[in-house]
């Protein structure tokens, strides 16, 4: 039995709004430069968009065309990643260089870099999707998406950030569950289609 559309939309709005409100009230942002704050919020937005993306591709958001919205959320994720990295580059170039060159001593850096490059790869592959076989593209897309979600969630959880540990863990868990469900639903739907064709 599917939940009412109003309840789903309310949960979706809360999923996006609550982390932003909590982050805006964080004492870690006091006396920070506006560029640093923007970079931090870009990271928060990127994290909360992951479960939203999973819900869209799984077709669980009523009244929304999943595939087209999936593309727009993907673009928003790309912009959030660019703003996040660019803002940190402006405020602390040596740290960003160490992260990109995998020389950073902080464990969360590796996960963030992996998620970033997987996101770039997913965008590039989407641009050349028509030149690839559908099955090959889908398999690679699942791999890159998994790296994006897992890398981003671990990156966020390991950082002492503005959202707090419990809220980050909850959003991250929703992203992982949403990803797993979206992959399962896609595979299950293709299996049903093949059975119907054979019968």
N, C-alpha and C. Protein backbone atom coordinates (compact mmCIF):
# COMPACT_ATOMS: atom_id res chain seq x y z
N UNK A 1 0.85 -1.20 0.00
CA UNK A 1 0.00 0.00 0.00
C UNK A 1 0.88 1.24 0.00
N UNK A 2 0.64 2.12 -0.95
CA UNK A 2 1.47 3.30 -1.10
C UNK A 2 1.00 4.43 -0.20
N UNK A 3 1.96 5.20 0.35
CA UNK A 3 1.63 6.32 1.24
C UNK A 3 0.96 7.44 0.44
N UNK A 4 0.10 8.24 1.10
CA UNK A 4 -0.54 9.36 0.41
C UNK A 4 0.49 10.33 -0.16
N UNK A 5 0.11 10.97 -1.28
CA UNK A 5 1.04 11.87 -1.95
C UNK A 5 1.47 13.03 -1.04
N UNK A 6 0.51 13.57 -0.26
CA UNK A 6 0.84 14.67 0.63
C UNK A 6 1.87 14.29 1.67
N UNK A 7 1.76 13.08 2.19
CA UNK A 7 2.71 12.61 3.20
C UNK A 7 4.10 12.43 2.59
N UNK A 8 4.15 11.91 1.38
CA UNK A 8 5.44 11.72 0.70
C UNK A 8 6.12 13.06 0.45
N UNK A 9 5.35 14.03 -0.02
CA UNK A 9 5.93 15.34 -0.29
C UNK A 9 6.37 16.04 0.99
N UNK A 10 5.60 15.88 2.06
CA UNK A 10 5.98 16.47 3.35
C UNK A 10 7.29 15.88 3.84
N UNK A 11 7.44 14.56 3.71
CA UNK A 11 8.68 13.91 4.12
C UNK A 11 9.85 14.36 3.25
N UNK A 12 9.59 14.57 1.96
CA UNK A 12 10.63 15.02 1.05
C UNK A 12 11.10 16.44 1.39
N UNK A 13 10.14 17.31 1.68
CA UNK A 13 10.48 18.68 2.07
C UNK A 13 11.27 18.68 3.38
N UNK A 14 10.85 17.87 4.34
CA UNK A 14 11.56 17.78 5.62
C UNK A 14 12.97 17.24 5.43
N UNK A 15 13.11 16.28 4.53
CA UNK A 15 14.42 15.69 4.26
C UNK A 15 15.42 16.73 3.77
N UNK A 16 14.93 17.70 3.00
CA UNK A 16 15.81 18.75 2.49
C UNK A 16 15.94 19.90 3.47
N UNK A 17 14.81 20.31 4.07
CA UNK A 17 14.79 21.53 4.87
C UNK A 17 15.46 21.36 6.23
N UNK A 18 15.22 20.24 6.91
CA UNK A 18 15.75 20.06 8.27
C UNK A 18 17.27 20.12 8.31
N UNK A 19 17.99 19.40 7.44
CA UNK A 19 19.45 19.50 7.48
C UNK A 19 19.96 20.91 7.20
N UNK A 20 19.30 21.64 6.30
CA UNK A 20 19.72 23.01 6.00
C UNK A 20 19.50 23.93 7.20
N UNK A 21 18.37 23.75 7.89
CA UNK A 21 18.08 24.58 9.07
C UNK A 21 19.07 24.28 10.18
N UNK A 22 19.34 22.99 10.41
CA UNK A 22 20.30 22.60 11.44
C UNK A 22 21.68 23.14 11.12
N UNK A 23 22.09 23.03 9.86
CA UNK A 23 23.41 23.52 9.46
C UNK A 23 23.51 25.03 9.61
N UNK A 24 22.43 25.74 9.31
CA UNK A 24 22.44 27.20 9.41
C UNK A 24 22.61 27.67 10.85
N UNK A 25 22.19 26.85 11.82
CA UNK A 25 22.28 27.22 13.23
C UNK A 25 23.54 26.68 13.91
N UNK A 26 24.41 26.04 13.14
CA UNK A 26 25.59 25.43 13.73
C UNK A 26 26.59 26.48 14.20
N UNK A 27 27.14 26.32 15.41
CA UNK A 27 28.17 27.26 15.90
C UNK A 27 29.47 27.16 15.11
N UNK A 28 29.64 26.09 14.32
CA UNK A 28 30.86 25.96 13.53
C UNK A 28 30.95 26.99 12.42
N UNK A 29 29.82 27.65 12.11
CA UNK A 29 29.82 28.65 11.04
C UNK A 29 30.09 30.06 11.55
N UNK A 30 30.18 30.23 12.86
CA UNK A 30 30.42 31.56 13.42
C UNK A 30 31.80 32.06 13.01
N UNK A 31 31.83 33.31 12.56
CA UNK A 31 33.06 33.98 12.17
C UNK A 31 33.73 33.37 10.94
N UNK A 32 33.02 32.53 10.23
CA UNK A 32 33.57 31.96 9.01
C UNK A 32 33.35 32.91 7.83
N UNK A 33 34.22 32.81 6.83
CA UNK A 33 34.08 33.61 5.62
C UNK A 33 32.86 33.13 4.83
N UNK A 34 32.20 34.07 4.12
CA UNK A 34 31.02 33.68 3.33
C UNK A 34 31.31 32.57 2.32
N UNK A 35 32.49 32.56 1.73
CA UNK A 35 32.84 31.53 0.75
C UNK A 35 32.91 30.16 1.43
N UNK A 36 33.47 30.13 2.63
CA UNK A 36 33.56 28.87 3.37
C UNK A 36 32.16 28.37 3.73
N UNK A 37 31.30 29.28 4.14
CA UNK A 37 29.92 28.91 4.48
C UNK A 37 29.19 28.36 3.26
N UNK A 38 29.39 29.03 2.11
CA UNK A 38 28.75 28.56 0.87
C UNK A 38 29.24 27.17 0.50
N UNK A 39 30.55 26.94 0.67
CA UNK A 39 31.11 25.62 0.37
C UNK A 39 30.52 24.56 1.28
N UNK A 40 30.37 24.90 2.56
CA UNK A 40 29.79 23.96 3.50
C UNK A 40 28.34 23.63 3.17
N UNK A 41 27.57 24.65 2.83
CA UNK A 41 26.17 24.42 2.48
C UNK A 41 26.04 23.63 1.19
N UNK A 42 26.96 23.84 0.27
CA UNK A 42 26.95 23.05 -0.96
C UNK A 42 27.14 21.57 -0.64
N UNK A 43 28.01 21.28 0.33
CA UNK A 43 28.20 19.90 0.75
C UNK A 43 26.94 19.32 1.38
N UNK A 44 26.27 20.11 2.20
CA UNK A 44 25.01 19.66 2.82
C UNK A 44 23.96 19.38 1.76
N UNK A 45 23.84 20.30 0.81
CA UNK A 45 22.86 20.13 -0.27
C UNK A 45 23.16 18.87 -1.08
N UNK A 46 24.45 18.66 -1.37
CA UNK A 46 24.81 17.46 -2.11
C UNK A 46 24.42 16.19 -1.38
N UNK A 47 24.60 16.17 -0.06
CA UNK A 47 24.26 14.99 0.72
C UNK A 47 22.76 14.74 0.73
N UNK A 48 21.96 15.79 0.95
CA UNK A 48 20.50 15.58 1.07
C UNK A 48 19.86 15.27 -0.28
N UNK A 49 20.54 15.65 -1.37
CA UNK A 49 19.99 15.35 -2.69
C UNK A 49 20.12 13.88 -3.06
N UNK A 50 21.03 13.17 -2.41
CA UNK A 50 21.24 11.76 -2.76
C UNK A 50 20.01 10.89 -2.50
N UNK A 51 19.39 10.94 -1.30
CA UNK A 51 18.17 10.16 -1.12
C UNK A 51 17.02 10.65 -1.98
N UNK A 52 16.97 11.96 -2.25
CA UNK A 52 15.94 12.49 -3.15
C UNK A 52 16.10 11.88 -4.54
N UNK A 53 17.35 11.81 -5.00
CA UNK A 53 17.63 11.22 -6.31
C UNK A 53 17.19 9.76 -6.37
N UNK A 54 17.46 9.04 -5.31
CA UNK A 54 17.07 7.62 -5.27
C UNK A 54 15.56 7.47 -5.31
N UNK A 55 14.84 8.32 -4.58
CA UNK A 55 13.38 8.25 -4.58
C UNK A 55 12.82 8.55 -5.96
N UNK A 56 13.44 9.50 -6.66
CA UNK A 56 12.96 9.87 -7.99
C UNK A 56 13.15 8.73 -8.98
N UNK A 57 14.34 8.15 -8.99
CA UNK A 57 14.62 7.10 -9.98
C UNK A 57 13.82 5.84 -9.67
N UNK A 58 13.44 5.66 -8.40
CA UNK A 58 12.61 4.52 -8.04
C UNK A 58 11.13 4.77 -8.31
N UNK A 59 10.79 6.01 -8.72
CA UNK A 59 9.41 6.34 -9.05
C UNK A 59 8.51 6.48 -7.85
N UNK A 60 9.07 6.90 -6.71
CA UNK A 60 8.30 6.98 -5.47
C UNK A 60 7.79 8.38 -5.16
N UNK A 61 8.12 9.36 -6.02
CA UNK A 61 7.65 10.73 -5.79
C UNK A 61 6.45 10.99 -6.70
N UNK A 62 5.27 11.15 -6.14
CA UNK A 62 4.07 11.30 -6.96
C UNK A 62 4.04 12.62 -7.72
N UNK A 63 3.56 12.55 -8.95
CA UNK A 63 3.41 13.75 -9.76
C UNK A 63 4.68 14.26 -10.40
N UNK A 64 5.75 13.48 -10.34
CA UNK A 64 7.03 13.91 -10.89
C UNK A 64 7.51 12.87 -11.89
N UNK A 65 7.97 13.34 -13.05
CA UNK A 65 8.54 12.44 -14.05
C UNK A 65 9.96 12.07 -13.62
N UNK A 66 10.13 10.83 -13.22
CA UNK A 66 11.38 10.41 -12.59
C UNK A 66 12.61 10.63 -13.42
N UNK A 67 12.60 10.25 -14.72
CA UNK A 67 13.82 10.32 -15.52
C UNK A 67 14.27 11.76 -15.73
N UNK A 68 13.35 12.65 -16.09
CA UNK A 68 13.74 14.05 -16.32
C UNK A 68 14.20 14.70 -15.02
N UNK A 69 13.49 14.46 -13.93
CA UNK A 69 13.89 15.01 -12.64
C UNK A 69 15.23 14.43 -12.19
N UNK A 70 15.46 13.15 -12.53
CA UNK A 70 16.73 12.50 -12.23
C UNK A 70 17.90 13.25 -12.87
N UNK A 71 17.69 13.70 -14.10
CA UNK A 71 18.73 14.46 -14.80
C UNK A 71 18.98 15.79 -14.11
N UNK A 72 17.91 16.49 -13.76
CA UNK A 72 18.08 17.81 -13.13
C UNK A 72 18.71 17.69 -11.75
N UNK A 73 18.35 16.69 -11.00
CA UNK A 73 18.99 16.49 -9.69
C UNK A 73 20.45 16.14 -9.88
N UNK A 74 20.76 15.38 -10.92
CA UNK A 74 22.16 15.08 -11.24
C UNK A 74 22.96 16.34 -11.53
N UNK A 75 22.36 17.26 -12.27
CA UNK A 75 23.02 18.55 -12.55
C UNK A 75 23.22 19.33 -11.25
N UNK A 76 22.20 19.31 -10.39
CA UNK A 76 22.31 20.01 -9.10
C UNK A 76 23.41 19.39 -8.24
N UNK A 77 23.54 18.08 -8.27
CA UNK A 77 24.62 17.41 -7.53
C UNK A 77 25.98 17.83 -8.06
N UNK A 78 26.10 17.92 -9.38
CA UNK A 78 27.36 18.34 -9.98
C UNK A 78 27.71 19.77 -9.55
N UNK A 79 26.73 20.67 -9.61
CA UNK A 79 26.97 22.06 -9.20
C UNK A 79 27.34 22.14 -7.72
N UNK A 80 26.67 21.35 -6.89
CA UNK A 80 26.98 21.35 -5.46
C UNK A 80 28.41 20.90 -5.21
N UNK A 81 28.84 19.86 -5.93
CA UNK A 81 30.21 19.37 -5.78
C UNK A 81 31.23 20.41 -6.22
N UNK A 82 30.95 21.08 -7.34
CA UNK A 82 31.87 22.10 -7.86
C UNK A 82 31.98 23.26 -6.89
N UNK A 83 30.83 23.73 -6.38
CA UNK A 83 30.84 24.85 -5.43
C UNK A 83 31.55 24.44 -4.14
N UNK A 84 31.31 23.22 -3.69
CA UNK A 84 31.94 22.72 -2.46
C UNK A 84 33.46 22.72 -2.59
N UNK A 85 33.96 22.13 -3.67
CA UNK A 85 35.41 22.04 -3.86
C UNK A 85 36.01 23.41 -4.16
N UNK A 86 35.34 24.19 -5.00
CA UNK A 86 35.87 25.51 -5.37
C UNK A 86 35.93 26.43 -4.15
N UNK A 87 34.90 26.39 -3.31
CA UNK A 87 34.91 27.22 -2.11
C UNK A 87 36.02 26.85 -1.16
N UNK A 88 36.24 25.55 -0.98
CA UNK A 88 37.33 25.11 -0.11
C UNK A 88 38.69 25.45 -0.73
N UNK A 89 38.77 25.42 -2.06
CA UNK A 89 40.01 25.78 -2.75
C UNK A 89 40.36 27.25 -2.49
N UNK A 90 39.34 28.10 -2.56
CA UNK A 90 39.57 29.54 -2.35
C UNK A 90 40.01 29.82 -0.92
N UNK A 91 39.40 29.14 0.04
CA UNK A 91 39.70 29.41 1.44
C UNK A 91 40.98 28.70 1.91
N UNK A 92 41.32 27.55 1.29
CA UNK A 92 42.50 26.82 1.74
C UNK A 92 43.07 25.98 0.59
N UNK A 93 43.76 26.62 -0.36
CA UNK A 93 44.29 25.89 -1.53
C UNK A 93 45.22 24.73 -1.19
N UNK A 94 46.16 24.86 -0.24
CA UNK A 94 47.06 23.73 0.03
C UNK A 94 46.32 22.46 0.48
N UNK A 95 45.29 22.64 1.29
CA UNK A 95 44.54 21.46 1.77
C UNK A 95 43.84 20.76 0.61
N UNK A 96 43.25 21.54 -0.29
CA UNK A 96 42.55 20.95 -1.43
C UNK A 96 43.51 20.24 -2.37
N UNK A 97 44.70 20.83 -2.56
CA UNK A 97 45.72 20.18 -3.40
C UNK A 97 46.13 18.85 -2.80
N UNK A 98 46.33 18.81 -1.49
CA UNK A 98 46.70 17.56 -0.83
C UNK A 98 45.60 16.51 -0.98
N UNK A 99 44.35 16.96 -0.90
CA UNK A 99 43.23 16.03 -1.05
C UNK A 99 43.18 15.47 -2.47
N UNK A 100 43.29 16.35 -3.46
CA UNK A 100 43.20 15.91 -4.85
C UNK A 100 44.37 15.01 -5.24
N UNK A 101 45.52 15.23 -4.62
CA UNK A 101 46.69 14.40 -4.90
C UNK A 101 46.81 13.21 -3.96
N UNK A 102 45.75 13.01 -3.16
CA UNK A 102 45.68 11.88 -2.23
C UNK A 102 46.81 11.90 -1.22
N UNK A 103 47.21 13.11 -0.83
CA UNK A 103 48.27 13.25 0.18
C UNK A 103 47.73 13.70 1.53
N UNK A 104 46.43 13.90 1.62
CA UNK A 104 45.85 14.40 2.86
C UNK A 104 45.87 13.31 3.93
N UNK A 105 46.23 13.67 5.16
CA UNK A 105 46.25 12.68 6.26
C UNK A 105 44.86 12.36 6.80
N UNK A 106 43.86 13.13 6.39
CA UNK A 106 42.50 12.93 6.91
C UNK A 106 41.81 11.81 6.14
N UNK A 107 41.24 10.82 6.84
CA UNK A 107 40.61 9.67 6.16
C UNK A 107 39.43 10.07 5.27
N UNK A 108 38.68 11.12 5.67
CA UNK A 108 37.49 11.45 4.90
C UNK A 108 37.82 11.98 3.51
N UNK A 109 39.06 12.45 3.32
CA UNK A 109 39.44 13.05 2.04
C UNK A 109 39.35 12.05 0.90
N UNK A 110 39.83 10.83 1.12
CA UNK A 110 39.83 9.81 0.07
C UNK A 110 38.41 9.51 -0.40
N UNK A 111 37.51 9.40 0.55
CA UNK A 111 36.12 9.10 0.20
C UNK A 111 35.49 10.24 -0.59
N UNK A 112 35.79 11.47 -0.20
CA UNK A 112 35.25 12.62 -0.92
C UNK A 112 35.76 12.70 -2.34
N UNK A 113 37.06 12.46 -2.53
CA UNK A 113 37.65 12.50 -3.87
C UNK A 113 37.07 11.39 -4.74
N UNK A 114 36.91 10.20 -4.17
CA UNK A 114 36.33 9.09 -4.93
C UNK A 114 34.92 9.42 -5.40
N UNK A 115 34.12 10.00 -4.49
CA UNK A 115 32.75 10.38 -4.85
C UNK A 115 32.75 11.46 -5.92
N UNK A 116 33.66 12.43 -5.82
CA UNK A 116 33.72 13.52 -6.79
C UNK A 116 34.05 13.01 -8.18
N UNK A 117 35.09 12.18 -8.30
CA UNK A 117 35.48 11.67 -9.62
C UNK A 117 34.42 10.73 -10.18
N UNK A 118 33.75 9.97 -9.32
CA UNK A 118 32.67 9.11 -9.79
C UNK A 118 31.51 9.95 -10.32
N UNK A 119 31.24 11.09 -9.68
CA UNK A 119 30.19 11.99 -10.15
C UNK A 119 30.54 12.57 -11.51
N UNK A 120 31.78 13.02 -11.67
CA UNK A 120 32.22 13.53 -12.96
C UNK A 120 32.10 12.44 -14.04
N UNK A 121 32.50 11.22 -13.69
CA UNK A 121 32.43 10.11 -14.65
C UNK A 121 30.98 9.83 -15.04
N UNK A 122 30.07 9.87 -14.06
CA UNK A 122 28.66 9.62 -14.34
C UNK A 122 28.09 10.66 -15.29
N UNK A 123 28.48 11.91 -15.09
CA UNK A 123 28.00 12.99 -15.97
C UNK A 123 28.54 12.82 -17.38
N UNK A 124 29.83 12.50 -17.51
CA UNK A 124 30.42 12.30 -18.84
C UNK A 124 29.79 11.10 -19.55
N UNK A 125 29.55 10.02 -18.81
CA UNK A 125 28.93 8.85 -19.40
C UNK A 125 27.49 9.14 -19.84
N UNK A 126 26.79 9.97 -19.07
CA UNK A 126 25.43 10.34 -19.46
C UNK A 126 25.43 11.12 -20.76
N UNK A 127 26.49 11.91 -20.99
CA UNK A 127 26.58 12.71 -22.21
C UNK A 127 26.81 11.85 -23.45
N UNK A 128 27.44 10.69 -23.26
CA UNK A 128 27.73 9.81 -24.40
C UNK A 128 26.90 8.53 -24.33
N UNK A 129 25.81 8.60 -23.62
CA UNK A 129 25.00 7.40 -23.39
C UNK A 129 24.54 6.75 -24.69
N UNK A 130 24.17 7.55 -25.67
CA UNK A 130 23.64 7.00 -26.91
C UNK A 130 24.69 6.24 -27.71
N UNK A 131 25.96 6.53 -27.47
CA UNK A 131 27.03 5.83 -28.19
C UNK A 131 27.41 4.52 -27.53
N UNK A 132 26.91 4.29 -26.34
CA UNK A 132 27.21 3.05 -25.62
C UNK A 132 26.03 2.10 -25.71
N UNK A 133 26.30 0.84 -25.52
CA UNK A 133 25.21 -0.11 -25.42
C UNK A 133 24.43 0.13 -24.15
N UNK A 134 23.13 -0.07 -24.20
CA UNK A 134 22.28 0.24 -23.05
C UNK A 134 22.67 -0.59 -21.83
N UNK A 135 22.96 -1.87 -22.05
CA UNK A 135 23.30 -2.73 -20.92
C UNK A 135 24.63 -2.31 -20.29
N UNK A 136 25.62 -1.98 -21.15
CA UNK A 136 26.94 -1.57 -20.63
C UNK A 136 26.82 -0.24 -19.88
N UNK A 137 26.05 0.69 -20.45
CA UNK A 137 25.90 1.99 -19.80
C UNK A 137 25.21 1.83 -18.44
N UNK A 138 24.19 1.03 -18.38
CA UNK A 138 23.46 0.86 -17.12
C UNK A 138 24.35 0.23 -16.05
N UNK A 139 25.15 -0.76 -16.44
CA UNK A 139 26.03 -1.41 -15.48
C UNK A 139 27.07 -0.43 -14.93
N UNK A 140 27.67 0.36 -15.82
CA UNK A 140 28.67 1.34 -15.38
C UNK A 140 28.01 2.43 -14.54
N UNK A 141 26.80 2.81 -14.92
CA UNK A 141 26.09 3.86 -14.18
C UNK A 141 25.78 3.41 -12.76
N UNK A 142 25.43 2.15 -12.60
CA UNK A 142 25.17 1.62 -11.26
C UNK A 142 26.44 1.66 -10.42
N UNK A 143 27.58 1.30 -11.03
CA UNK A 143 28.86 1.32 -10.30
C UNK A 143 29.22 2.74 -9.88
N UNK A 144 29.16 3.69 -10.82
CA UNK A 144 29.51 5.08 -10.48
C UNK A 144 28.56 5.66 -9.45
N UNK A 145 27.28 5.34 -9.57
CA UNK A 145 26.31 5.84 -8.60
C UNK A 145 26.57 5.28 -7.21
N UNK A 146 26.92 4.03 -7.14
CA UNK A 146 27.23 3.40 -5.85
C UNK A 146 28.44 4.07 -5.21
N UNK A 147 29.47 4.34 -6.01
CA UNK A 147 30.67 5.02 -5.49
C UNK A 147 30.31 6.42 -5.02
N UNK A 148 29.46 7.11 -5.77
CA UNK A 148 29.05 8.46 -5.38
C UNK A 148 28.36 8.45 -4.02
N UNK A 149 27.38 7.58 -3.88
CA UNK A 149 26.59 7.56 -2.65
C UNK A 149 27.42 7.09 -1.45
N UNK A 150 28.11 5.96 -1.60
CA UNK A 150 28.91 5.43 -0.50
C UNK A 150 30.02 6.40 -0.14
N UNK A 151 30.73 6.92 -1.15
CA UNK A 151 31.82 7.86 -0.89
C UNK A 151 31.35 9.13 -0.20
N UNK A 152 30.22 9.68 -0.66
CA UNK A 152 29.70 10.91 -0.07
C UNK A 152 29.24 10.69 1.36
N UNK A 153 28.54 9.59 1.61
CA UNK A 153 28.04 9.31 2.95
C UNK A 153 29.19 9.13 3.94
N UNK A 154 30.18 8.31 3.58
CA UNK A 154 31.32 8.10 4.48
C UNK A 154 32.09 9.40 4.67
N UNK A 155 32.29 10.15 3.60
CA UNK A 155 32.98 11.45 3.66
C UNK A 155 32.28 12.37 4.65
N UNK A 156 30.95 12.44 4.55
CA UNK A 156 30.19 13.34 5.41
C UNK A 156 30.21 12.88 6.86
N UNK A 157 30.06 11.58 7.09
CA UNK A 157 29.99 11.06 8.46
C UNK A 157 31.33 11.25 9.19
N UNK A 158 32.43 11.12 8.46
CA UNK A 158 33.75 11.24 9.09
C UNK A 158 34.12 12.69 9.43
N UNK A 159 33.43 13.64 8.83
CA UNK A 159 33.73 15.06 9.08
C UNK A 159 32.93 15.56 10.28
N UNK A 160 33.56 16.36 11.10
CA UNK A 160 32.83 17.03 12.18
C UNK A 160 32.21 18.28 11.59
N UNK A 161 31.02 18.13 11.03
CA UNK A 161 30.41 19.20 10.26
C UNK A 161 29.25 19.86 10.95
N UNK A 162 28.52 20.67 10.16
CA UNK A 162 27.45 21.50 10.70
C UNK A 162 26.15 20.74 10.96
N UNK A 163 25.99 19.58 10.36
CA UNK A 163 24.73 18.85 10.49
C UNK A 163 24.65 18.03 11.77
N UNK A 164 25.77 17.72 12.37
CA UNK A 164 25.75 16.86 13.54
C UNK A 164 25.80 15.39 13.14
N UNK A 165 26.33 14.57 14.00
CA UNK A 165 26.58 13.17 13.66
C UNK A 165 25.29 12.39 13.42
N UNK A 166 24.29 12.55 14.27
CA UNK A 166 23.06 11.76 14.15
C UNK A 166 22.29 12.10 12.88
N UNK A 167 22.18 13.39 12.57
CA UNK A 167 21.43 13.80 11.39
C UNK A 167 22.16 13.36 10.12
N UNK A 168 23.48 13.50 10.10
CA UNK A 168 24.24 13.04 8.94
C UNK A 168 24.08 11.53 8.77
N UNK A 169 24.13 10.82 9.88
CA UNK A 169 23.97 9.37 9.81
C UNK A 169 22.61 8.97 9.27
N UNK A 170 21.56 9.70 9.70
CA UNK A 170 20.21 9.40 9.25
C UNK A 170 20.06 9.66 7.75
N UNK A 171 20.52 10.83 7.30
CA UNK A 171 20.43 11.16 5.87
C UNK A 171 21.26 10.19 5.05
N UNK A 172 22.44 9.86 5.55
CA UNK A 172 23.29 8.91 4.86
C UNK A 172 22.65 7.54 4.76
N UNK A 173 22.02 7.10 5.84
CA UNK A 173 21.32 5.81 5.83
C UNK A 173 20.18 5.81 4.82
N UNK A 174 19.44 6.91 4.77
CA UNK A 174 18.36 7.03 3.80
C UNK A 174 18.90 6.97 2.37
N UNK A 175 20.06 7.60 2.15
CA UNK A 175 20.66 7.57 0.82
C UNK A 175 21.07 6.15 0.43
N UNK A 176 21.67 5.42 1.36
CA UNK A 176 22.10 4.05 1.08
C UNK A 176 20.90 3.12 0.87
N UNK A 177 19.90 3.25 1.70
CA UNK A 177 18.69 2.43 1.55
C UNK A 177 17.99 2.77 0.25
N UNK A 178 17.90 4.08 -0.05
CA UNK A 178 17.26 4.50 -1.29
C UNK A 178 17.98 3.98 -2.52
N UNK A 179 19.30 4.04 -2.49
CA UNK A 179 20.09 3.50 -3.61
C UNK A 179 19.84 2.01 -3.78
N UNK A 180 19.90 1.28 -2.68
CA UNK A 180 19.69 -0.17 -2.74
C UNK A 180 18.30 -0.50 -3.28
N UNK A 181 17.31 0.24 -2.80
CA UNK A 181 15.94 -0.02 -3.26
C UNK A 181 15.77 0.31 -4.74
N UNK A 182 16.37 1.44 -5.18
CA UNK A 182 16.26 1.83 -6.58
C UNK A 182 16.89 0.77 -7.49
N UNK A 183 18.07 0.26 -7.12
CA UNK A 183 18.73 -0.77 -7.92
C UNK A 183 17.90 -2.05 -7.93
N UNK A 184 17.40 -2.45 -6.75
CA UNK A 184 16.58 -3.65 -6.67
C UNK A 184 15.32 -3.52 -7.50
N UNK A 185 14.68 -2.36 -7.43
CA UNK A 185 13.42 -2.17 -8.15
C UNK A 185 13.65 -2.21 -9.65
N UNK A 186 14.75 -1.60 -10.11
CA UNK A 186 15.06 -1.62 -11.54
C UNK A 186 15.29 -3.05 -12.02
N UNK A 187 16.08 -3.80 -11.28
CA UNK A 187 16.36 -5.18 -11.67
C UNK A 187 15.10 -6.02 -11.62
N UNK A 188 14.30 -5.81 -10.60
CA UNK A 188 13.09 -6.59 -10.45
C UNK A 188 12.10 -6.29 -11.57
N UNK A 189 11.98 -5.02 -11.96
CA UNK A 189 11.05 -4.65 -13.02
C UNK A 189 11.48 -5.24 -14.35
N UNK A 190 12.79 -5.30 -14.61
CA UNK A 190 13.28 -5.90 -15.87
C UNK A 190 13.01 -7.40 -15.87
N UNK A 191 13.14 -8.04 -14.71
CA UNK A 191 12.85 -9.47 -14.62
C UNK A 191 11.38 -9.75 -14.93
N UNK A 192 10.49 -8.93 -14.40
CA UNK A 192 9.06 -9.08 -14.65
C UNK A 192 8.74 -8.91 -16.12
N UNK A 193 9.41 -7.92 -16.76
CA UNK A 193 9.18 -7.66 -18.19
C UNK A 193 9.61 -8.87 -19.02
N UNK A 194 10.79 -9.45 -18.68
CA UNK A 194 11.28 -10.61 -19.42
C UNK A 194 10.35 -11.80 -19.26
N UNK A 195 9.81 -11.99 -18.06
CA UNK A 195 8.87 -13.10 -17.82
C UNK A 195 7.60 -12.91 -18.65
N UNK A 196 7.11 -11.69 -18.71
CA UNK A 196 5.89 -11.42 -19.47
C UNK A 196 6.13 -11.66 -20.96
N UNK A 197 7.32 -11.27 -21.45
CA UNK A 197 7.63 -11.45 -22.87
C UNK A 197 7.69 -12.95 -23.21
N UNK A 198 8.34 -13.73 -22.35
CA UNK A 198 8.50 -15.16 -22.60
C UNK A 198 7.16 -15.90 -22.51
N UNK A 199 6.29 -15.42 -21.60
CA UNK A 199 5.01 -16.09 -21.45
C UNK A 199 4.04 -15.72 -22.57
